[in-house]
Amino acid sequence: MKIKELLCAALLGTCLLATLPVQAGSFSSSSAAAEIKFTPEQIIKFAKQVEKTLAAKGAHVAILARMGRPASELPEGMHFTHVAFVVYSQITAADGRTLPGYAIYNLYQQDKHPDVSDLVQDFPVDFFAGVAVLEAGIIIPSAKLQQRLLDVINSPTYAALHDPHYSLIANPYTLGRQNCTEHTLDVISAAIYQTGDIKRIKANEIAYFKAQPVNVNPFKLALGSLFSSEISTSDQPDAPVTATFETIAKFLQKYDKGAEEITVTPEL
């Protein structure tokens, strides 16, 4: 194992980088280059189960999370490794038909440049293709917030809130670095406060959102940021913190009356 991989493993469980085909271990990586641990049939079945769960709840917009790593390999307070928006849409099939279904709006790291991210749309089967565990976290906002989120996602604000300078442990209170959870939080804040002004968004997040401390030895963190381009402390003026699926869920359950959190595991 290379020194870069050892340092990242020490920093965040076993988030192996570089030559190993385990990109889903990073918090905001595409499943496209990930090691497949389940059969296509298992992934398709689970993806459909998630879609049916969303449909049964009447969800038009929700926050969806997956497990790119087993929970035992993640830092304290973190369970899911990637978060995105799932939106009920009219999807064009390969044969040209238009069918109802769910599209997923992600922030993904670039495979060759892990310190750079893109906004990418894919679908539930893609989303769960490289997971370590077939488990999904879902936050269904109130009907009012769902409509506001849809308005933001369909507007230029959604892309404008994207900062391509990626860090695995991006600080949600500051600018300069961003990961999938921070972008998700910024879009949620834009919808709640009906603004695209990033300074106002950050002021409200500082006031009302409680971030997750990154419980990592400072020396290991410094070494990790030195040797791994996807880890940066440039936006961490104090003890490092980040946004997670869990902290976003707590935020919405406190400030969005009617928001609901659901965990989906494979049906027996």
Protein backbone atom coordinates (compact mmCIF):
# COMPACT_ATOMS: atom_id res chain seq x y z
CA MET A 1 0.00 0.00 0.00
CA LYS A 2 1.37 3.42 -0.93
CA ILE A 3 1.97 6.13 1.67
CA LYS A 4 -0.96 8.16 0.26
CA GLU A 5 -3.27 5.18 0.78
CA LEU A 6 -1.94 4.51 4.29
CA LEU A 7 -2.50 8.11 5.33
CA CYS A 8 -6.02 8.21 3.96
CA ALA A 9 -6.77 4.88 5.65
CA ALA A 10 -5.57 6.31 8.95
CA LEU A 11 -7.62 9.43 8.42
CA LEU A 12 -10.96 7.98 7.38
CA GLY A 13 -11.19 4.30 8.14
CA THR A 14 -10.00 2.51 5.00
CA CYS A 15 -10.68 5.07 2.28
CA LEU A 16 -8.10 3.59 -0.13
CA LEU A 17 -7.15 5.78 -3.05
CA ALA A 18 -5.00 5.83 -6.18
CA THR A 19 -4.80 2.47 -7.96
CA LEU A 20 -7.48 0.52 -6.09
CA PRO A 21 -10.95 0.25 -7.74
CA VAL A 22 -12.91 1.39 -4.70
CA GLN A 23 -13.96 4.91 -5.59
CA ALA A 24 -17.28 4.52 -3.79
CA GLY A 25 -15.33 4.61 -0.54
CA SER A 26 -14.91 8.34 -0.94
CA PHE A 27 -17.82 10.49 0.18
CA SER A 28 -18.73 11.95 -3.22
CA SER A 29 -17.44 9.53 -5.83
CA SER A 30 -19.36 8.11 -8.75
CA SER A 31 -20.18 4.42 -8.60
CA ALA A 32 -19.00 4.05 -12.18
CA ALA A 33 -15.43 3.11 -11.20
CA ALA A 34 -16.37 1.30 -8.01
CA GLU A 35 -15.84 -2.33 -7.18
CA ILE A 36 -19.15 -4.16 -7.62
CA LYS A 37 -19.97 -6.18 -4.50
CA PHE A 38 -23.50 -7.25 -5.46
CA THR A 39 -25.00 -8.90 -8.52
CA PRO A 40 -26.80 -6.72 -11.08
CA GLU A 41 -30.04 -8.43 -10.06
CA GLN A 42 -29.53 -7.49 -6.40
CA ILE A 43 -28.73 -3.89 -7.26
CA ILE A 44 -31.70 -3.54 -9.62
CA LYS A 45 -34.05 -5.08 -7.07
CA PHE A 46 -32.85 -2.78 -4.29
CA ALA A 47 -32.95 0.31 -6.51
CA LYS A 48 -36.56 -0.50 -7.42
CA GLN A 49 -37.38 -1.02 -3.74
CA VAL A 50 -36.03 2.45 -2.96
CA GLU A 51 -38.07 3.96 -5.80
CA LYS A 52 -41.21 2.17 -4.59
CA THR A 53 -40.61 3.48 -1.06
CA LEU A 54 -40.32 7.03 -2.38
CA ALA A 55 -43.41 6.63 -4.56
CA ALA A 56 -45.44 5.18 -1.66
CA LYS A 57 -44.61 8.31 0.33
CA GLY A 58 -45.60 10.54 -2.57
CA ALA A 59 -42.12 12.06 -2.64
CA HIS A 60 -41.39 14.45 -5.49
CA VAL A 61 -38.01 15.51 -4.07
CA ALA A 62 -36.02 13.78 -1.34
CA ILE A 63 -32.48 13.49 -0.03
CA LEU A 64 -30.95 10.06 -0.68
CA ALA A 65 -27.83 8.52 0.87
CA ARG A 66 -25.82 5.35 0.28
CA MET A 67 -23.10 3.38 2.08
CA GLY A 68 -19.89 3.31 0.06
CA ARG A 69 -18.11 1.82 3.06
CA PRO A 70 -19.21 -0.40 5.96
CA ALA A 71 -20.17 1.65 9.01
CA SER A 72 -17.33 0.08 11.01
CA GLU A 73 -14.81 1.79 8.72
CA LEU A 74 -16.23 5.29 9.07
CA PRO A 75 -15.44 7.97 11.66
CA GLU A 76 -17.67 8.44 14.68
CA GLY A 77 -21.03 9.99 13.83
CA MET A 78 -20.92 9.04 10.14
CA HIS A 79 -22.92 6.21 8.60
CA PHE A 80 -23.59 7.09 4.96
CA THR A 81 -20.86 8.18 2.55
CA HIS A 82 -22.68 9.94 -0.28
CA VAL A 83 -25.75 12.19 -0.37
CA ALA A 84 -27.76 13.50 -3.32
CA PHE A 85 -31.20 14.72 -4.35
CA VAL A 86 -33.66 12.27 -5.86
CA VAL A 87 -36.34 13.87 -8.03
CA TYR A 88 -39.50 12.37 -9.54
CA SER A 89 -39.13 12.95 -13.27
CA GLN A 90 -40.22 11.98 -16.74
CA ILE A 91 -37.33 9.81 -17.96
CA THR A 92 -36.59 9.02 -21.60
CA ALA A 93 -35.93 5.29 -22.09
CA ALA A 94 -33.45 3.83 -24.59
CA ASP A 95 -36.31 3.14 -27.01
CA GLY A 96 -37.46 6.75 -26.86
CA ARG A 97 -40.43 6.22 -24.57
CA THR A 98 -41.03 8.70 -21.76
CA LEU A 99 -41.60 6.96 -18.43
CA PRO A 100 -42.14 8.22 -14.90
CA GLY A 101 -39.29 7.52 -12.48
CA TYR A 102 -36.68 9.01 -10.19
CA ALA A 103 -33.54 10.83 -11.35
CA ILE A 104 -30.67 11.54 -8.96
CA TYR A 105 -28.80 14.84 -8.84
CA ASN A 106 -25.27 14.29 -7.52
CA LEU A 107 -22.02 16.08 -6.82
CA TYR A 108 -19.30 13.58 -7.83
CA GLN A 109 -15.52 13.79 -7.67
CA GLN A 110 -13.72 13.41 -10.96
CA ASP A 111 -12.02 10.00 -11.17
CA LYS A 112 -8.69 11.40 -12.38
CA HIS A 113 -8.84 14.60 -10.33
CA PRO A 114 -10.34 13.76 -6.91
CA ASP A 115 -9.97 17.35 -5.71
CA VAL A 116 -12.38 18.50 -8.45
CA SER A 117 -16.12 17.78 -8.58
CA ASP A 118 -18.90 17.91 -11.17
CA LEU A 119 -22.67 18.00 -10.93
CA VAL A 120 -23.91 14.75 -12.51
CA GLN A 121 -27.36 13.27 -13.04
CA ASP A 122 -27.83 9.51 -12.88
CA PHE A 123 -30.44 6.97 -11.75
CA PRO A 124 -31.00 4.67 -8.74
CA VAL A 125 -29.32 1.63 -10.33
CA ASP A 126 -26.21 3.74 -11.02
CA PHE A 127 -26.36 5.27 -7.57
CA PHE A 128 -26.26 1.92 -5.74
CA ALA A 129 -23.97 0.05 -8.16
CA GLY A 130 -20.78 0.29 -6.08
CA VAL A 131 -22.07 0.29 -2.51
CA ALA A 132 -20.49 -1.75 0.27
CA VAL A 133 -23.86 -2.31 1.96
CA LEU A 134 -27.34 -2.35 0.44
CA GLU A 135 -28.84 0.27 2.71
CA ALA A 136 -30.33 3.66 1.84
CA GLY A 137 -31.02 6.69 3.96
CA ILE A 138 -33.90 8.89 2.84
CA ILE A 139 -35.06 12.27 4.09
CA ILE A 140 -38.46 13.31 2.75
CA PRO A 141 -38.98 17.05 3.31
CA SER A 142 -42.39 18.61 3.84
CA ALA A 143 -44.51 19.12 0.72
CA LYS A 144 -43.83 22.86 0.88
CA LEU A 145 -40.06 22.43 1.04
CA GLN A 146 -40.16 19.79 -1.71
CA GLN A 147 -41.72 22.33 -4.06
CA ARG A 148 -39.14 24.95 -3.12
CA LEU A 149 -36.33 22.44 -3.65
CA LEU A 150 -37.71 21.55 -7.06
CA ASP A 151 -37.75 25.24 -7.95
CA VAL A 152 -34.09 25.61 -6.94
CA ILE A 153 -32.95 22.40 -8.67
CA ASN A 154 -34.63 23.56 -11.90
CA SER A 155 -33.08 27.02 -11.69
CA PRO A 156 -29.56 28.40 -12.36
CA THR A 157 -29.10 28.63 -8.56
CA TYR A 158 -28.51 24.86 -8.30
CA ALA A 159 -25.38 25.02 -10.46
CA ALA A 160 -24.35 28.42 -9.10
CA LEU A 161 -24.09 26.93 -5.59
CA HIS A 162 -21.58 24.34 -6.82
CA ASP A 163 -17.93 24.94 -5.90
CA PRO A 164 -15.80 22.45 -7.89
CA HIS A 165 -12.94 22.67 -5.36
CA TYR A 166 -13.58 19.39 -3.56
CA SER A 167 -12.59 18.27 -0.08
CA LEU A 168 -13.70 15.07 1.63
CA ILE A 169 -14.16 16.99 4.90
CA ALA A 170 -15.44 20.31 3.53
CA ASN A 171 -16.50 22.79 6.20
CA PRO A 172 -20.18 23.72 5.64
CA TYR A 173 -19.71 27.09 7.36
CA THR A 174 -17.02 28.41 5.04
CA LEU A 175 -16.33 28.91 1.34
CA GLY A 176 -13.49 27.58 -0.78
CA ARG A 177 -14.09 23.82 -0.54
CA GLN A 178 -17.22 21.72 -0.96
CA ASN A 179 -18.35 18.09 -0.86
CA CYS A 180 -21.66 16.43 -1.74
CA THR A 181 -23.21 17.01 1.67
CA GLU A 182 -22.31 20.70 1.76
CA HIS A 183 -23.75 21.28 -1.71
CA THR A 184 -26.91 19.44 -0.67
CA LEU A 185 -27.14 21.58 2.46
CA ASP A 186 -26.58 24.78 0.47
CA VAL A 187 -29.39 23.88 -1.93
CA ILE A 188 -31.69 23.08 1.01
CA SER A 189 -30.82 26.42 2.61
CA ALA A 190 -31.44 28.23 -0.67
CA ALA A 191 -34.89 26.63 -0.77
CA ILE A 192 -35.73 27.32 2.88
CA TYR A 193 -34.64 30.96 2.83
CA GLN A 194 -35.54 31.50 -0.85
CA THR A 195 -32.20 33.04 -1.75
CA GLY A 196 -29.26 32.27 -3.99
CA ASP A 197 -26.99 34.61 -2.04
CA ILE A 198 -24.24 32.31 -0.76
CA LYS A 199 -23.19 34.76 1.98
CA ARG A 200 -26.71 34.79 3.37
CA ILE A 201 -26.91 31.00 3.04
CA LYS A 202 -23.70 30.55 5.02
CA ALA A 203 -24.83 33.01 7.69
CA ASN A 204 -28.02 31.00 8.20
CA GLU A 205 -26.13 27.70 8.28
CA ILE A 206 -23.77 29.07 10.92
CA ALA A 207 -26.79 30.17 12.96
CA TYR A 208 -29.01 27.09 12.63
CA PHE A 209 -27.10 24.08 11.30
CA LYS A 210 -25.00 21.91 13.63
CA ALA A 211 -22.12 20.29 11.76
CA GLN A 212 -20.47 16.97 12.57
CA PRO A 213 -17.02 17.18 14.22
CA VAL A 214 -14.38 15.25 12.29
CA ASN A 215 -12.87 13.22 15.09
CA VAL A 216 -9.42 12.64 13.64
CA ASN A 217 -6.00 13.16 15.22
CA PRO A 218 -4.77 16.62 14.05
CA PHE A 219 -1.39 15.19 13.04
CA LYS A 220 -3.03 12.52 10.88
CA LEU A 221 -5.30 15.15 9.39
CA ALA A 222 -2.36 17.38 8.51
CA LEU A 223 -0.51 14.46 6.90
CA GLY A 224 -3.63 13.39 5.04
CA SER A 225 -4.12 16.86 3.57
CA LEU A 226 -0.46 16.94 2.57
CA PHE A 227 -0.47 13.65 0.66
CA SER A 228 -4.06 13.33 -0.58
CA SER A 229 -5.51 15.92 -2.95
CA GLU A 230 -9.10 15.12 -1.97
CA ILE A 231 -8.47 16.12 1.65
CA SER A 232 -7.99 19.80 2.43
CA THR A 233 -7.98 21.80 5.64
CA SER A 234 -7.83 25.18 3.89
CA ASP A 235 -11.47 25.87 4.80
CA GLN A 236 -11.13 24.64 8.41
CA PRO A 237 -10.06 27.61 10.58
CA ASP A 238 -10.75 25.71 13.80
CA ALA A 239 -11.38 22.07 14.77
CA PRO A 240 -12.58 20.40 11.54
CA VAL A 241 -16.29 19.89 10.96
CA THR A 242 -18.36 18.68 8.02
CA ALA A 243 -21.97 18.12 6.99
CA THR A 244 -23.32 14.56 6.92
CA PHE A 245 -26.59 12.86 6.04
CA GLU A 246 -27.25 12.54 9.77
CA THR A 247 -26.71 16.23 10.55
CA ILE A 248 -28.86 17.26 7.58
CA ALA A 249 -31.62 14.93 8.84
CA LYS A 250 -31.50 16.50 12.31
CA PHE A 251 -31.55 19.99 10.78
CA LEU A 252 -34.65 19.29 8.69
CA GLN A 253 -36.48 17.44 11.47
CA LYS A 254 -35.96 20.52 13.65
CA TYR A 255 -36.77 23.26 11.16
CA ASP A 256 -39.00 21.63 8.51
CA LYS A 257 -42.24 20.51 10.12
CA GLY A 258 -43.38 17.28 8.50
CA ALA A 259 -39.93 16.11 7.35
CA GLU A 260 -39.44 12.36 7.66
CA GLU A 261 -36.34 10.16 7.82
CA ILE A 262 -36.46 6.59 6.51
CA THR A 263 -33.92 3.76 6.30
CA VAL A 264 -34.37 1.18 3.55
CA THR A 265 -32.78 -2.27 3.69
CA PRO A 266 -33.32 -5.16 1.26
CA GLU A 267 -36.60 -7.00 1.53
CA LEU A 268 -36.25 -10.61 2.60
